[in-house]
Amino acid sequence: MQKMLLMTILAATLLIPLFSARGGTVKAAIRRSVIATTVFCVVYWLALMFVYPMLESQKAKTPAAEQH
């Protein structure tokens, strides 16, 4: 799970500027990049607050996890 979290941060760090660079002007590209980064941070924070704990609790309930 930790590896997946790290990979999503890496992907966002690379993909947001890549897609934002297609803007017509520098100002538009920067604005698009700031908006995309803000949206990503909010969605990522919500996922860490709600999705990640649910995945951890389900992982603890599986029989394979109880044997180890």
N, C-alpha and C. Protein backbone atom coordinates (compact mmCIF):
# COMPACT_ATOMS: atom_id res chain seq x y z
N MET A 1 0.82 -1.18 0.00
CA MET A 1 0.00 0.00 0.00
C MET A 1 0.88 1.26 0.00
N GLN A 2 1.95 1.23 0.76
CA GLN A 2 2.83 2.40 0.83
C GLN A 2 3.49 2.66 -0.52
N LYS A 3 3.79 1.58 -1.23
CA LYS A 3 4.40 1.73 -2.55
C LYS A 3 3.41 2.40 -3.52
N MET A 4 2.14 2.03 -3.42
CA MET A 4 1.13 2.64 -4.28
C MET A 4 0.97 4.13 -3.97
N LEU A 5 1.01 4.50 -2.71
CA LEU A 5 0.91 5.91 -2.33
C LEU A 5 2.09 6.70 -2.91
N LEU A 6 3.27 6.13 -2.81
CA LEU A 6 4.45 6.79 -3.35
C LEU A 6 4.37 6.92 -4.88
N MET A 7 3.88 5.91 -5.55
CA MET A 7 3.76 5.94 -7.01
C MET A 7 2.74 6.98 -7.48
N THR A 8 1.66 7.17 -6.73
CA THR A 8 0.67 8.17 -7.13
C THR A 8 1.24 9.58 -6.99
N ILE A 9 2.03 9.81 -5.95
CA ILE A 9 2.66 11.12 -5.80
C ILE A 9 3.65 11.36 -6.93
N LEU A 10 4.42 10.35 -7.27
CA LEU A 10 5.37 10.46 -8.38
C LEU A 10 4.66 10.71 -9.70
N ALA A 11 3.57 10.00 -9.95
CA ALA A 11 2.82 10.18 -11.18
C ALA A 11 2.24 11.59 -11.26
N ALA A 12 1.70 12.08 -10.17
CA ALA A 12 1.14 13.44 -10.17
C ALA A 12 2.22 14.48 -10.40
N THR A 13 3.39 14.26 -9.80
CA THR A 13 4.50 15.20 -9.97
C THR A 13 4.94 15.28 -11.43
N LEU A 14 4.83 14.20 -12.14
CA LEU A 14 5.24 14.18 -13.54
C LEU A 14 4.11 14.56 -14.50
N LEU A 15 2.91 14.08 -14.23
CA LEU A 15 1.81 14.25 -15.19
C LEU A 15 1.15 15.63 -15.15
N ILE A 16 1.05 16.23 -13.99
CA ILE A 16 0.40 17.54 -13.91
C ILE A 16 1.14 18.58 -14.75
N PRO A 17 2.46 18.74 -14.60
CA PRO A 17 3.15 19.72 -15.46
C PRO A 17 3.14 19.32 -16.94
N LEU A 18 3.16 18.02 -17.21
CA LEU A 18 3.14 17.56 -18.60
C LEU A 18 1.86 17.98 -19.30
N PHE A 19 0.72 17.78 -18.66
CA PHE A 19 -0.55 18.16 -19.26
C PHE A 19 -0.78 19.67 -19.22
N SER A 20 -0.25 20.32 -18.21
CA SER A 20 -0.42 21.77 -18.10
C SER A 20 0.41 22.52 -19.14
N ALA A 21 1.48 21.95 -19.58
CA ALA A 21 2.37 22.62 -20.53
C ALA A 21 1.73 22.80 -21.91
N ARG A 22 0.62 22.13 -22.14
CA ARG A 22 -0.05 22.26 -23.44
C ARG A 22 -0.84 23.55 -23.57
N GLY A 23 -0.83 24.39 -22.55
CA GLY A 23 -1.55 25.66 -22.60
C GLY A 23 -0.96 26.59 -23.64
N GLY A 24 -1.76 27.50 -24.13
CA GLY A 24 -1.31 28.41 -25.18
C GLY A 24 -0.28 29.42 -24.70
N THR A 25 -0.43 29.90 -23.49
CA THR A 25 0.50 30.88 -22.95
C THR A 25 1.08 30.35 -21.64
N VAL A 26 2.13 31.00 -21.19
CA VAL A 26 2.75 30.60 -19.94
C VAL A 26 1.79 30.82 -18.77
N LYS A 27 1.08 31.93 -18.81
CA LYS A 27 0.12 32.25 -17.74
C LYS A 27 -0.97 31.18 -17.65
N ALA A 28 -1.48 30.76 -18.79
CA ALA A 28 -2.52 29.73 -18.80
C ALA A 28 -1.98 28.39 -18.30
N ALA A 29 -0.76 28.07 -18.68
CA ALA A 29 -0.14 26.81 -18.25
C ALA A 29 0.09 26.81 -16.74
N ILE A 30 0.55 27.92 -16.19
CA ILE A 30 0.77 28.00 -14.75
C ILE A 30 -0.55 27.92 -14.00
N ARG A 31 -1.55 28.62 -14.49
CA ARG A 31 -2.87 28.58 -13.85
C ARG A 31 -3.42 27.16 -13.86
N ARG A 32 -3.32 26.49 -14.99
CA ARG A 32 -3.81 25.12 -15.11
C ARG A 32 -3.03 24.18 -14.17
N SER A 33 -1.73 24.40 -14.06
CA SER A 33 -0.90 23.57 -13.18
C SER A 33 -1.25 23.78 -11.71
N VAL A 34 -1.46 25.02 -11.32
CA VAL A 34 -1.81 25.31 -9.92
C VAL A 34 -3.18 24.72 -9.58
N ILE A 35 -4.13 24.85 -10.48
CA ILE A 35 -5.47 24.29 -10.24
C ILE A 35 -5.40 22.77 -10.15
N ALA A 36 -4.68 22.14 -11.07
CA ALA A 36 -4.57 20.68 -11.06
C ALA A 36 -3.86 20.18 -9.81
N THR A 37 -2.83 20.88 -9.37
CA THR A 37 -2.12 20.49 -8.16
C THR A 37 -3.01 20.63 -6.94
N THR A 38 -3.77 21.71 -6.87
CA THR A 38 -4.68 21.91 -5.75
C THR A 38 -5.75 20.83 -5.71
N VAL A 39 -6.33 20.53 -6.85
CA VAL A 39 -7.36 19.48 -6.92
C VAL A 39 -6.76 18.14 -6.52
N PHE A 40 -5.57 17.83 -7.02
CA PHE A 40 -4.93 16.57 -6.66
C PHE A 40 -4.68 16.48 -5.17
N CYS A 41 -4.20 17.55 -4.57
CA CYS A 41 -3.92 17.55 -3.13
C CYS A 41 -5.18 17.33 -2.31
N VAL A 42 -6.28 17.96 -2.70
CA VAL A 42 -7.54 17.79 -1.97
C VAL A 42 -8.06 16.36 -2.12
N VAL A 43 -8.05 15.84 -3.33
CA VAL A 43 -8.52 14.47 -3.56
C VAL A 43 -7.62 13.47 -2.84
N TYR A 44 -6.32 13.71 -2.87
CA TYR A 44 -5.37 12.81 -2.21
C TYR A 44 -5.59 12.84 -0.70
N TRP A 45 -5.81 14.03 -0.14
CA TRP A 45 -6.07 14.16 1.30
C TRP A 45 -7.35 13.43 1.68
N LEU A 46 -8.40 13.58 0.89
CA LEU A 46 -9.65 12.88 1.17
C LEU A 46 -9.47 11.37 1.09
N ALA A 47 -8.71 10.92 0.12
CA ALA A 47 -8.45 9.48 0.00
C ALA A 47 -7.67 8.97 1.21
N LEU A 48 -6.70 9.73 1.67
CA LEU A 48 -5.94 9.30 2.86
C LEU A 48 -6.81 9.31 4.11
N MET A 49 -7.76 10.22 4.17
CA MET A 49 -8.62 10.30 5.35
C MET A 49 -9.69 9.21 5.38
N PHE A 50 -10.22 8.82 4.22
CA PHE A 50 -11.36 7.92 4.19
C PHE A 50 -11.07 6.56 3.55
N VAL A 51 -10.39 6.54 2.43
CA VAL A 51 -10.18 5.29 1.69
C VAL A 51 -9.08 4.44 2.33
N TYR A 52 -7.95 5.03 2.62
CA TYR A 52 -6.82 4.29 3.16
C TYR A 52 -7.16 3.59 4.48
N PRO A 53 -7.83 4.23 5.44
CA PRO A 53 -8.20 3.50 6.67
C PRO A 53 -9.15 2.33 6.41
N MET A 54 -10.06 2.48 5.45
CA MET A 54 -10.96 1.37 5.12
C MET A 54 -10.19 0.19 4.55
N LEU A 55 -9.21 0.47 3.71
CA LEU A 55 -8.40 -0.61 3.14
C LEU A 55 -7.59 -1.31 4.21
N GLU A 56 -7.05 -0.57 5.14
CA GLU A 56 -6.28 -1.16 6.24
C GLU A 56 -7.16 -2.01 7.14
N SER A 57 -8.39 -1.55 7.41
CA SER A 57 -9.28 -2.33 8.28
C SER A 57 -9.74 -3.60 7.58
N GLN A 58 -9.95 -3.56 6.27
CA GLN A 58 -10.33 -4.76 5.53
C GLN A 58 -9.16 -5.72 5.45
N LYS A 59 -7.96 -5.21 5.35
CA LYS A 59 -6.77 -6.05 5.29
C LYS A 59 -6.61 -6.81 6.61
N ALA A 60 -6.92 -6.18 7.72
CA ALA A 60 -6.80 -6.80 9.02
C ALA A 60 -7.86 -7.87 9.24
N LYS A 61 -8.98 -7.80 8.54
CA LYS A 61 -10.07 -8.75 8.71
C LYS A 61 -9.89 -10.04 7.89
N THR A 62 -9.00 -10.05 6.91
CA THR A 62 -8.84 -11.22 6.06
C THR A 62 -8.19 -12.35 6.84
N PRO A 63 -8.57 -13.59 6.55
CA PRO A 63 -8.00 -14.73 7.26
C PRO A 63 -6.48 -14.87 7.05
N ALA A 64 -5.99 -14.51 5.87
CA ALA A 64 -4.57 -14.63 5.60
C ALA A 64 -3.77 -13.68 6.49
N ALA A 65 -4.30 -12.53 6.78
CA ALA A 65 -3.61 -11.57 7.64
C ALA A 65 -3.60 -12.03 9.08
N GLU A 66 -4.61 -12.79 9.50
CA GLU A 66 -4.68 -13.27 10.86
C GLU A 66 -3.69 -14.38 11.13
N GLN A 67 -3.30 -15.13 10.09
CA GLN A 67 -2.37 -16.24 10.27
C GLN A 67 -0.95 -15.76 10.49
N HIS A 68 -0.60 -14.59 10.00
CA HIS A 68 0.78 -14.10 10.10
C HIS A 68 1.04 -13.40 11.38
